Protein backbone atom coordinates (compact mmCIF):
# COMPACT_ATOMS: atom_id res chain seq x y z
CA UNK A 1 -10.89 -17.77 -26.00
CA UNK A 2 -11.12 -14.68 -23.77
CA UNK A 3 -10.31 -11.42 -25.56
CA UNK A 4 -9.88 -8.12 -23.74
CA UNK A 5 -10.85 -5.05 -25.82
CA UNK A 6 -8.22 -2.73 -24.36
CA UNK A 7 -4.45 -2.37 -24.64
CA UNK A 8 -2.10 -4.16 -22.24
CA UNK A 9 1.06 -2.41 -21.07
CA UNK A 10 3.89 -4.44 -19.52
CA UNK A 11 5.93 -2.18 -17.26
CA UNK A 12 9.55 -3.27 -17.67
CA UNK A 13 11.64 -0.23 -16.84
CA UNK A 14 12.39 -0.50 -13.13
CA UNK A 15 15.89 -0.24 -11.69
CA UNK A 16 15.95 -3.87 -10.42
CA UNK A 17 18.21 -2.71 -7.57
CA UNK A 18 17.28 -5.63 -5.29
CA UNK A 19 18.02 -8.12 -8.08
CA UNK A 20 21.40 -6.61 -8.90
CA UNK A 21 20.71 -6.82 -12.66
CA UNK A 22 17.81 -6.03 -14.96
CA UNK A 23 15.19 -8.63 -14.07
CA UNK A 24 13.19 -8.00 -17.26
CA UNK A 25 16.15 -9.47 -19.17
CA UNK A 26 16.52 -12.67 -17.10
CA UNK A 27 15.73 -15.95 -18.91
CA UNK A 28 12.30 -17.28 -18.00
CA UNK A 29 9.80 -19.94 -19.01
CA UNK A 30 11.67 -21.11 -22.10
CA UNK A 31 12.14 -17.55 -23.40
CA UNK A 32 15.39 -15.57 -23.50
CA UNK A 33 13.89 -12.93 -21.18
CA UNK A 34 11.13 -12.43 -18.63
CA UNK A 35 9.88 -9.53 -20.76
CA UNK A 36 9.43 -11.79 -23.78
CA UNK A 37 7.74 -14.46 -21.62
CA UNK A 38 5.17 -11.94 -20.40
CA UNK A 39 4.68 -10.47 -23.86
CA UNK A 40 4.13 -13.82 -25.61
CA UNK A 41 1.80 -15.26 -22.96
CA UNK A 42 -0.45 -12.17 -22.82
CA UNK A 43 -0.44 -11.11 -26.48
CA UNK A 44 -3.23 -13.49 -27.68
CA UNK A 45 -5.69 -12.03 -25.16
CA UNK A 46 -5.44 -8.29 -25.87
CA UNK A 47 -6.28 -6.04 -28.81
CA UNK A 48 -2.74 -4.65 -28.54
CA UNK A 49 0.21 -5.05 -26.19
CA UNK A 50 3.17 -2.78 -25.46
CA UNK A 51 6.30 -2.67 -23.33
CA UNK A 52 6.91 0.44 -21.22
CA UNK A 53 10.56 1.26 -20.49
CA UNK A 54 13.12 4.04 -20.47
CA UNK A 55 14.87 2.68 -23.58
CA UNK A 56 14.73 -0.19 -26.05
CA UNK A 57 16.76 -2.88 -24.34
CA UNK A 58 14.80 -5.83 -25.70
CA UNK A 59 16.05 -8.49 -28.11
CA UNK A 60 12.62 -9.24 -29.62
CA UNK A 61 10.21 -7.20 -31.70
CA UNK A 62 7.42 -5.59 -29.69
CA UNK A 63 5.71 -2.19 -29.71
CA UNK A 64 7.33 0.12 -27.17
CA UNK A 65 6.15 3.13 -25.23
CA UNK A 66 9.31 4.88 -24.09
CA UNK A 67 9.44 7.40 -21.27
CA UNK A 68 9.70 11.08 -22.08
CA UNK A 69 13.49 11.56 -22.47
CA UNK A 70 13.29 14.76 -20.40
CA UNK A 71 12.39 12.68 -17.35
CA UNK A 72 15.37 11.61 -15.25
CA UNK A 73 13.80 8.51 -13.75
CA UNK A 74 11.55 5.66 -14.82
CA UNK A 75 8.58 5.39 -12.52
CA UNK A 76 5.14 3.92 -13.13
CA UNK A 77 3.69 7.43 -12.91
CA UNK A 78 5.89 8.64 -15.77
CA UNK A 79 5.19 5.48 -17.75
CA UNK A 80 1.42 5.85 -17.31
CA UNK A 81 1.45 9.49 -18.38
CA UNK A 82 3.36 8.50 -21.52
CA UNK A 83 0.92 5.63 -22.20
CA UNK A 84 -2.08 7.96 -22.15
CA UNK A 85 -0.20 10.59 -24.17
CA UNK A 86 0.59 8.08 -26.92
CA UNK A 87 -2.50 5.88 -26.94
CA UNK A 88 -5.85 7.46 -27.68
CA UNK A 89 -7.75 5.06 -25.46
CA UNK A 90 -9.92 5.47 -22.39
CA UNK A 91 -8.64 2.43 -20.47
CA UNK A 92 -5.46 0.37 -20.32
CA UNK A 93 -4.53 -2.77 -18.43
CA UNK A 94 -1.10 -2.58 -16.82
CA UNK A 95 1.03 -5.34 -15.38
CA UNK A 96 4.55 -5.43 -14.03
CA UNK A 97 7.06 -7.56 -15.92
CA UNK A 98 8.05 -9.26 -12.66
CA UNK A 99 4.62 -10.82 -11.90
CA UNK A 100 4.52 -13.80 -14.29
CA UNK A 101 1.90 -15.78 -12.36
CA UNK A 102 -1.02 -13.37 -12.72
CA UNK A 103 -3.49 -15.51 -14.64
CA UNK A 104 -5.96 -14.64 -17.36
CA UNK A 105 -8.75 -15.36 -14.84
CA UNK A 106 -7.37 -12.61 -12.56
CA UNK A 107 -7.07 -10.16 -15.44
CA UNK A 108 -10.61 -11.03 -16.53
CA UNK A 109 -12.05 -10.04 -13.14
CA UNK A 110 -10.24 -6.69 -13.27
CA UNK A 111 -11.30 -5.90 -16.84
CA UNK A 112 -14.88 -7.04 -16.18
CA UNK A 113 -15.14 -4.45 -13.38
CA UNK A 114 -14.67 -1.69 -16.01
CA UNK A 115 -18.25 -2.32 -17.11
CA UNK A 116 -19.57 -1.04 -13.78
CA UNK A 117 -19.54 2.51 -12.36
CA UNK A 118 -16.84 4.94 -13.44
CA UNK A 119 -13.51 4.62 -11.64
CA UNK A 120 -10.07 6.13 -12.19
CA UNK A 121 -8.44 2.76 -11.51
CA UNK A 122 -9.38 -0.83 -10.77
CA UNK A 123 -6.55 -2.70 -9.07
CA UNK A 124 -5.89 -6.11 -7.58
CA UNK A 125 -5.79 -6.61 -3.82
CA UNK A 126 -4.76 -9.77 -2.00
CA UNK A 127 -4.23 -10.54 1.70
CA UNK A 128 -0.77 -8.88 1.55
CA UNK A 129 -2.25 -5.65 0.17
CA UNK A 130 -2.62 -3.55 -2.95
CA UNK A 131 -0.97 -4.41 -6.29
CA UNK A 132 -0.93 -1.07 -8.14
CA UNK A 133 0.91 -2.57 -11.13
CA UNK A 134 -1.87 -5.04 -11.83
CA UNK A 135 -5.02 -3.29 -12.88
CA UNK A 136 -7.02 -1.17 -15.26
CA UNK A 137 -6.26 2.55 -15.38
CA UNK A 138 -8.64 5.05 -16.91
CA UNK A 139 -7.83 8.31 -18.68
CA UNK A 140 -9.66 10.17 -15.89
CA UNK A 141 -6.64 9.58 -13.62
CA UNK A 142 -4.34 11.57 -15.94
CA UNK A 143 -4.70 14.99 -14.19
CA UNK A 144 -3.74 13.38 -10.87
CA UNK A 145 -0.76 11.67 -12.55
CA UNK A 146 0.39 14.96 -14.14
CA UNK A 147 0.22 16.69 -10.76
CA UNK A 148 2.13 13.88 -9.05
CA UNK A 149 4.88 13.86 -11.69
CA UNK A 150 5.17 17.66 -11.50
CA UNK A 151 5.56 17.39 -7.70
CA UNK A 152 8.04 14.50 -7.96
CA UNK A 153 5.64 12.17 -6.15
CA UNK A 154 6.00 8.81 -7.89
CA UNK A 155 4.27 6.62 -5.29
CA UNK A 156 1.49 4.99 -7.28
CA UNK A 157 -0.30 3.74 -4.16
CA UNK A 158 -0.57 7.34 -2.92
CA UNK A 159 -2.08 8.41 -6.23
CA UNK A 160 -4.61 5.59 -6.00
CA UNK A 161 -5.61 6.78 -2.51
CA UNK A 162 -6.42 10.23 -3.96
CA UNK A 163 -8.37 8.77 -6.88
CA UNK A 164 -11.64 6.93 -7.34
CA UNK A 165 -10.17 3.44 -7.05
CA UNK A 166 -11.93 0.10 -6.95
CA UNK A 167 -10.09 -2.71 -5.17
CA UNK A 168 -10.82 -6.18 -6.54
CA UNK A 169 -10.16 -8.69 -3.77
CA UNK A 170 -8.37 -11.96 -4.52
CA UNK A 171 -8.07 -14.66 -1.83
CA UNK A 172 -4.44 -15.66 -2.51
CA UNK A 173 -1.14 -13.79 -2.68
CA UNK A 174 0.60 -16.37 -4.90
CA UNK A 175 -0.56 -15.04 -8.31
CA UNK A 176 0.88 -11.61 -7.42
CA UNK A 177 4.32 -12.93 -6.45
CA UNK A 178 7.01 -10.42 -7.47
CA UNK A 179 10.43 -11.46 -8.71
CA UNK A 180 12.48 -8.84 -6.87
CA UNK A 181 15.54 -10.66 -5.49
CA UNK A 182 17.74 -13.53 -6.68
CA UNK A 183 15.99 -15.97 -4.32
CA UNK A 184 12.59 -14.85 -5.71
CA UNK A 185 13.87 -15.66 -9.20
CA UNK A 186 14.98 -19.12 -8.06
CA UNK A 187 11.58 -19.74 -6.46
CA UNK A 188 9.75 -18.56 -9.59
CA UNK A 189 11.79 -20.91 -11.79
CA UNK A 190 10.87 -23.81 -9.47
CA UNK A 191 7.17 -22.83 -9.59
CA UNK A 192 7.25 -23.08 -13.39
CA UNK A 193 8.35 -26.73 -13.27
């Protein structure tokens, strides 16, 4: 079995405004929530796995990395800063809770790229573009994240443009399908069958 020697962080704190309710808490794949589905399917492959969110809204036991309570919003930038503040690790793999079709083979390609030259981030790209919430982030990106948070700039793609980022190209968009809207959720449920 493949084993990745770095922590995995599932980002599950977004506003879910397009869904109309918290998508991380929607039932999925035989589990009470999408968050638990992602956690259970990825847990065997990583040395440790955490959920990143603004508060503990989950009905199952899992290690949490909660945002700094002084921050007014939950953004990936804030979550990443907190991850590196709490975990004394050089690299972390991050994935969004709403991308349940990213396979272990995709993750493996991203993690494998860590063994090459030094980068601040290694992220997935597909024909539709960059997927900043599917990749390996290195501690070296922390100063750029701190500056962005201080300036109120929470656009992760902009931070990646200013950093030493390696794009790993994937030929298909399907694995990076995001469950953002109710019709996306319906489609995702059909794809599971």
